[in-house]
């Protein structure tokens, strides 16, 4: 696919934006999907968090019969780690890099930016952040797995080897089974990444306890990285 700038939905803080959370949605959803969570997080106003929710490109998705929908990359098989779409993943990586550069131009240093996402969006948050050349505040990866895992060791960059990673998953997730998330977390831990893992009694979704845990984690990583 041709690389195109991503459209976004954004929620600005009451005062000056001092931090940013770039949050990618899942397959078939759009930039409005996680917008309602922002007020539920109740983050301290002094953090000055801008939320950026990008729209994934619209593309045919193989497992859905070629139906066109918003997707960060094609899904060739539900046996996720075995059949992947490297071209789609790398194209979305480049587009997310552009969002990071835009936040820098708007005055938010990368060490105050969290890359976040759910499902496919969480996979892209992991993939992109670990290859990014500048330090980020944190990586939030929900109900997802690490794509192109076999390529990571040769492509990862040193800037984010100590960056906090929060991974969360539903015990009863039928879309991306829990074992895929756990395997990805274990791989990252074996490479000395700082992974905080939580699982919840839910399916492929987000629950209230998870939202509270995300809020606490965001508060910690953005406070620690305060400029």
Protein backbone atom coordinates (compact mmCIF):
# COMPACT_ATOMS: atom_id res chain seq x y z
CA UNK A 1 0.00 0.00 0.00
CA UNK A 2 1.06 3.61 -0.60
CA UNK A 3 2.17 5.34 2.58
CA UNK A 4 -0.31 8.07 3.51
CA UNK A 5 -0.48 10.35 6.57
CA UNK A 6 -2.86 9.04 9.22
CA UNK A 7 -5.97 11.01 10.15
CA UNK A 8 -6.50 11.39 13.89
CA UNK A 9 -9.02 12.19 16.59
CA UNK A 10 -7.42 14.17 19.41
CA UNK A 11 -8.35 15.15 22.95
CA UNK A 12 -6.39 18.08 24.32
CA UNK A 13 -5.69 18.69 28.01
CA UNK A 14 -7.20 21.71 29.76
CA UNK A 15 -3.83 23.47 29.78
CA UNK A 16 -0.62 23.11 27.81
CA UNK A 17 0.09 19.64 26.40
CA UNK A 18 3.18 18.31 28.18
CA UNK A 19 2.68 14.60 27.40
CA UNK A 20 1.08 12.56 24.64
CA UNK A 21 -0.51 9.13 24.38
CA UNK A 22 -0.77 7.84 20.80
CA UNK A 23 -3.36 5.06 20.99
CA UNK A 24 -4.04 2.71 18.04
CA UNK A 25 -7.38 0.94 17.65
CA UNK A 26 -8.02 -2.67 16.74
CA UNK A 27 -9.02 -4.36 13.48
CA UNK A 28 -12.20 -2.96 11.97
CA UNK A 29 -12.60 -0.21 14.57
CA UNK A 30 -11.63 3.45 14.16
CA UNK A 31 -10.08 6.40 15.96
CA UNK A 32 -13.19 6.96 18.10
CA UNK A 33 -13.05 3.49 19.65
CA UNK A 34 -11.10 4.38 22.80
CA UNK A 35 -12.08 8.04 23.00
CA UNK A 36 -14.65 7.36 25.79
CA UNK A 37 -11.94 5.89 28.05
CA UNK A 38 -10.10 9.21 28.44
CA UNK A 39 -12.38 10.75 31.10
CA UNK A 40 -12.52 7.40 32.93
CA UNK A 41 -8.73 7.46 33.39
CA UNK A 42 -8.94 10.62 35.54
CA UNK A 43 -5.29 11.46 34.99
CA UNK A 44 -3.86 14.35 37.01
CA UNK A 45 -4.26 17.62 35.11
CA UNK A 46 -0.64 18.58 35.79
CA UNK A 47 0.50 15.77 33.46
CA UNK A 48 -1.01 17.72 30.55
CA UNK A 49 -1.80 14.63 28.49
CA UNK A 50 -2.86 14.96 24.87
CA UNK A 51 -4.54 11.80 23.51
CA UNK A 52 -4.00 11.08 19.82
CA UNK A 53 -6.18 8.37 18.29
CA UNK A 54 -5.14 7.61 14.68
CA UNK A 55 -7.26 5.91 12.04
CA UNK A 56 -5.64 2.86 10.45
CA UNK A 57 -5.71 2.74 6.63
CA UNK A 58 -8.63 0.98 4.93
CA UNK A 59 -7.46 -2.24 3.26
CA UNK A 60 -8.75 -5.72 2.32
CA UNK A 61 -8.43 -8.23 5.16
CA UNK A 62 -7.88 -11.81 4.04
CA UNK A 63 -9.44 -13.64 7.02
CA UNK A 64 -12.59 -11.54 6.57
CA UNK A 65 -13.06 -12.63 2.98
CA UNK A 66 -11.19 -9.66 1.55
CA UNK A 67 -13.62 -7.17 3.06
CA UNK A 68 -12.18 -3.66 3.20
CA UNK A 69 -11.88 -2.19 6.69
CA UNK A 70 -9.54 -0.22 8.87
CA UNK A 71 -6.53 -2.42 9.61
CA UNK A 72 -2.91 -1.76 10.49
CA UNK A 73 -1.91 -4.79 8.42
CA UNK A 74 -3.54 -7.72 6.66
CA UNK A 75 -4.46 -10.82 8.69
CA UNK A 76 -3.72 -13.83 6.51
CA UNK A 77 -4.61 -16.50 9.06
CA UNK A 78 -5.92 -16.71 12.61
CA UNK A 79 -2.79 -18.73 13.37
CA UNK A 80 -1.23 -15.36 14.09
CA UNK A 81 2.49 -15.97 14.55
CA UNK A 82 2.86 -18.17 11.47
CA UNK A 83 1.41 -16.15 8.60
CA UNK A 84 2.05 -12.43 8.80
CA UNK A 85 2.01 -9.34 6.56
CA UNK A 86 5.45 -7.73 6.91
CA UNK A 87 4.79 -5.07 4.25
CA UNK A 88 1.65 -3.90 6.04
CA UNK A 89 3.34 -3.89 9.44
CA UNK A 90 6.32 -1.87 8.22
CA UNK A 91 4.09 0.60 6.34
CA UNK A 92 2.09 1.24 9.53
CA UNK A 93 5.33 1.54 11.49
CA UNK A 94 6.42 4.37 9.19
CA UNK A 95 3.06 6.11 9.52
CA UNK A 96 3.24 5.93 13.33
CA UNK A 97 6.77 7.35 13.20
CA UNK A 98 5.26 10.38 11.45
CA UNK A 99 2.84 10.85 14.35
CA UNK A 100 5.76 10.72 16.79
CA UNK A 101 7.61 13.33 14.76
CA UNK A 102 4.52 15.53 14.71
CA UNK A 103 4.26 15.41 18.50
CA UNK A 104 7.92 16.43 18.75
CA UNK A 105 7.24 19.41 16.48
CA UNK A 106 4.30 20.36 18.71
CA UNK A 107 6.62 20.57 21.69
CA UNK A 108 6.23 17.16 23.36
CA UNK A 109 9.58 15.38 23.77
CA UNK A 110 9.60 11.67 22.97
CA UNK A 111 10.43 10.74 26.57
CA UNK A 112 6.97 12.06 27.44
CA UNK A 113 5.13 10.06 24.75
CA UNK A 114 3.42 6.71 25.34
CA UNK A 115 2.67 4.43 22.39
CA UNK A 116 -0.50 2.49 23.13
CA UNK A 117 -2.91 0.20 21.38
CA UNK A 118 -5.51 -2.54 21.56
CA UNK A 119 -5.41 -5.81 19.57
CA UNK A 120 -3.80 -4.99 16.19
CA UNK A 121 -3.13 -1.51 17.54
CA UNK A 122 -1.33 -2.96 20.54
CA UNK A 123 0.74 -5.15 18.24
CA UNK A 124 1.76 -2.03 16.33
CA UNK A 125 2.61 -0.18 19.56
CA UNK A 126 5.00 -2.97 20.55
CA UNK A 127 6.49 -3.38 17.09
CA UNK A 128 7.05 0.34 16.49
CA UNK A 129 8.26 1.40 19.93
CA UNK A 130 10.93 -1.29 20.18
CA UNK A 131 12.38 -0.16 16.84
CA UNK A 132 12.17 3.57 17.51
CA UNK A 133 15.44 5.47 17.78
CA UNK A 134 14.42 7.87 20.58
CA UNK A 135 13.39 7.04 24.13
CA UNK A 136 9.66 6.88 24.87
CA UNK A 137 7.87 7.18 28.21
CA UNK A 138 6.14 3.80 27.93
CA UNK A 139 4.48 1.15 25.78
CA UNK A 140 0.88 0.11 26.48
CA UNK A 141 -0.08 -3.13 24.70
CA UNK A 142 -3.59 -4.48 25.32
CA UNK A 143 -4.99 -7.85 24.19
CA UNK A 144 -2.29 -8.32 21.59
CA UNK A 145 0.94 -10.07 20.64
CA UNK A 146 4.32 -9.10 19.20
CA UNK A 147 4.23 -9.22 15.38
CA UNK A 148 7.29 -10.21 13.35
CA UNK A 149 8.83 -11.49 16.57
CA UNK A 150 11.59 -13.33 14.73
CA UNK A 151 12.83 -10.01 13.31
CA UNK A 152 12.99 -8.16 16.61
CA UNK A 153 16.49 -9.05 17.75
CA UNK A 154 18.03 -7.72 14.57
CA UNK A 155 15.87 -4.61 14.33
CA UNK A 156 15.39 -3.38 17.89
CA UNK A 157 17.03 -0.12 18.90
CA UNK A 158 18.77 0.56 22.22
CA UNK A 159 16.78 3.70 23.09
CA UNK A 160 13.76 1.76 24.41
CA UNK A 161 15.37 -1.28 26.02
CA UNK A 162 14.58 0.14 29.47
CA UNK A 163 11.19 1.64 28.59
CA UNK A 164 8.32 0.35 30.79
CA UNK A 165 5.91 -1.97 28.97
CA UNK A 166 2.40 -2.69 30.27
CA UNK A 167 0.79 -5.74 28.67
CA UNK A 168 -2.76 -6.82 29.55
CA UNK A 169 -4.92 -9.65 28.22
CA UNK A 170 -8.26 -11.37 28.79
CA UNK A 171 -8.17 -14.92 30.15
CA UNK A 172 -11.04 -15.87 27.81
CA UNK A 173 -9.93 -13.99 24.70
CA UNK A 174 -11.17 -15.98 21.69
CA UNK A 175 -9.78 -13.54 19.08
CA UNK A 176 -6.16 -13.37 20.24
CA UNK A 177 -5.80 -16.20 22.74
CA UNK A 178 -4.05 -15.47 26.02
CA UNK A 179 -1.13 -17.75 25.14
CA UNK A 180 -0.06 -15.43 22.29
CA UNK A 181 0.15 -12.50 24.67
CA UNK A 182 2.04 -14.50 27.29
CA UNK A 183 4.50 -15.87 24.73
CA UNK A 184 5.22 -12.33 23.55
CA UNK A 185 5.70 -11.08 27.12
CA UNK A 186 8.05 -13.97 27.88
CA UNK A 187 10.08 -13.26 24.74
CA UNK A 188 10.44 -9.61 25.71
CA UNK A 189 11.43 -10.54 29.26
CA UNK A 190 14.08 -12.91 27.87
CA UNK A 191 15.55 -9.90 26.05
CA UNK A 192 15.62 -7.95 29.36
CA UNK A 193 12.67 -5.65 28.62
CA UNK A 194 10.71 -4.34 31.62
CA UNK A 195 7.32 -5.95 31.18
CA UNK A 196 4.44 -5.54 33.62
CA UNK A 197 1.84 -8.22 32.85
CA UNK A 198 -1.81 -8.31 33.93
CA UNK A 199 -4.59 -10.65 32.90
CA UNK A 200 -8.28 -10.27 33.61
CA UNK A 201 -11.36 -12.48 33.61
CA UNK A 202 -12.68 -11.17 30.31
CA UNK A 203 -12.67 -11.80 26.56
CA UNK A 204 -11.30 -9.59 23.77
CA UNK A 205 -12.29 -6.36 25.45
CA UNK A 206 -11.39 -3.89 28.18
CA UNK A 207 -12.74 -4.06 31.73
CA UNK A 208 -13.07 -1.50 34.52
CA UNK A 209 -10.23 -2.92 36.62
CA UNK A 210 -7.97 -2.79 33.57
CA UNK A 211 -8.85 0.88 32.99
CA UNK A 212 -7.93 1.64 36.59
CA UNK A 213 -4.64 -0.24 36.22
CA UNK A 214 -3.86 1.62 32.98
CA UNK A 215 -4.55 4.94 34.70
CA UNK A 216 -2.16 4.09 37.53
CA UNK A 217 0.54 2.96 35.12
CA UNK A 218 0.21 6.05 32.90
CA UNK A 219 0.43 8.27 35.95
CA UNK A 220 3.64 6.56 37.02
CA UNK A 221 5.47 6.54 33.69
CA UNK A 222 4.54 10.08 32.79
CA UNK A 223 5.47 11.35 36.24
CA UNK A 224 8.81 9.53 36.14
CA UNK A 225 9.56 10.94 32.70
CA UNK A 226 8.52 14.45 33.65
CA UNK A 227 10.79 17.01 32.00
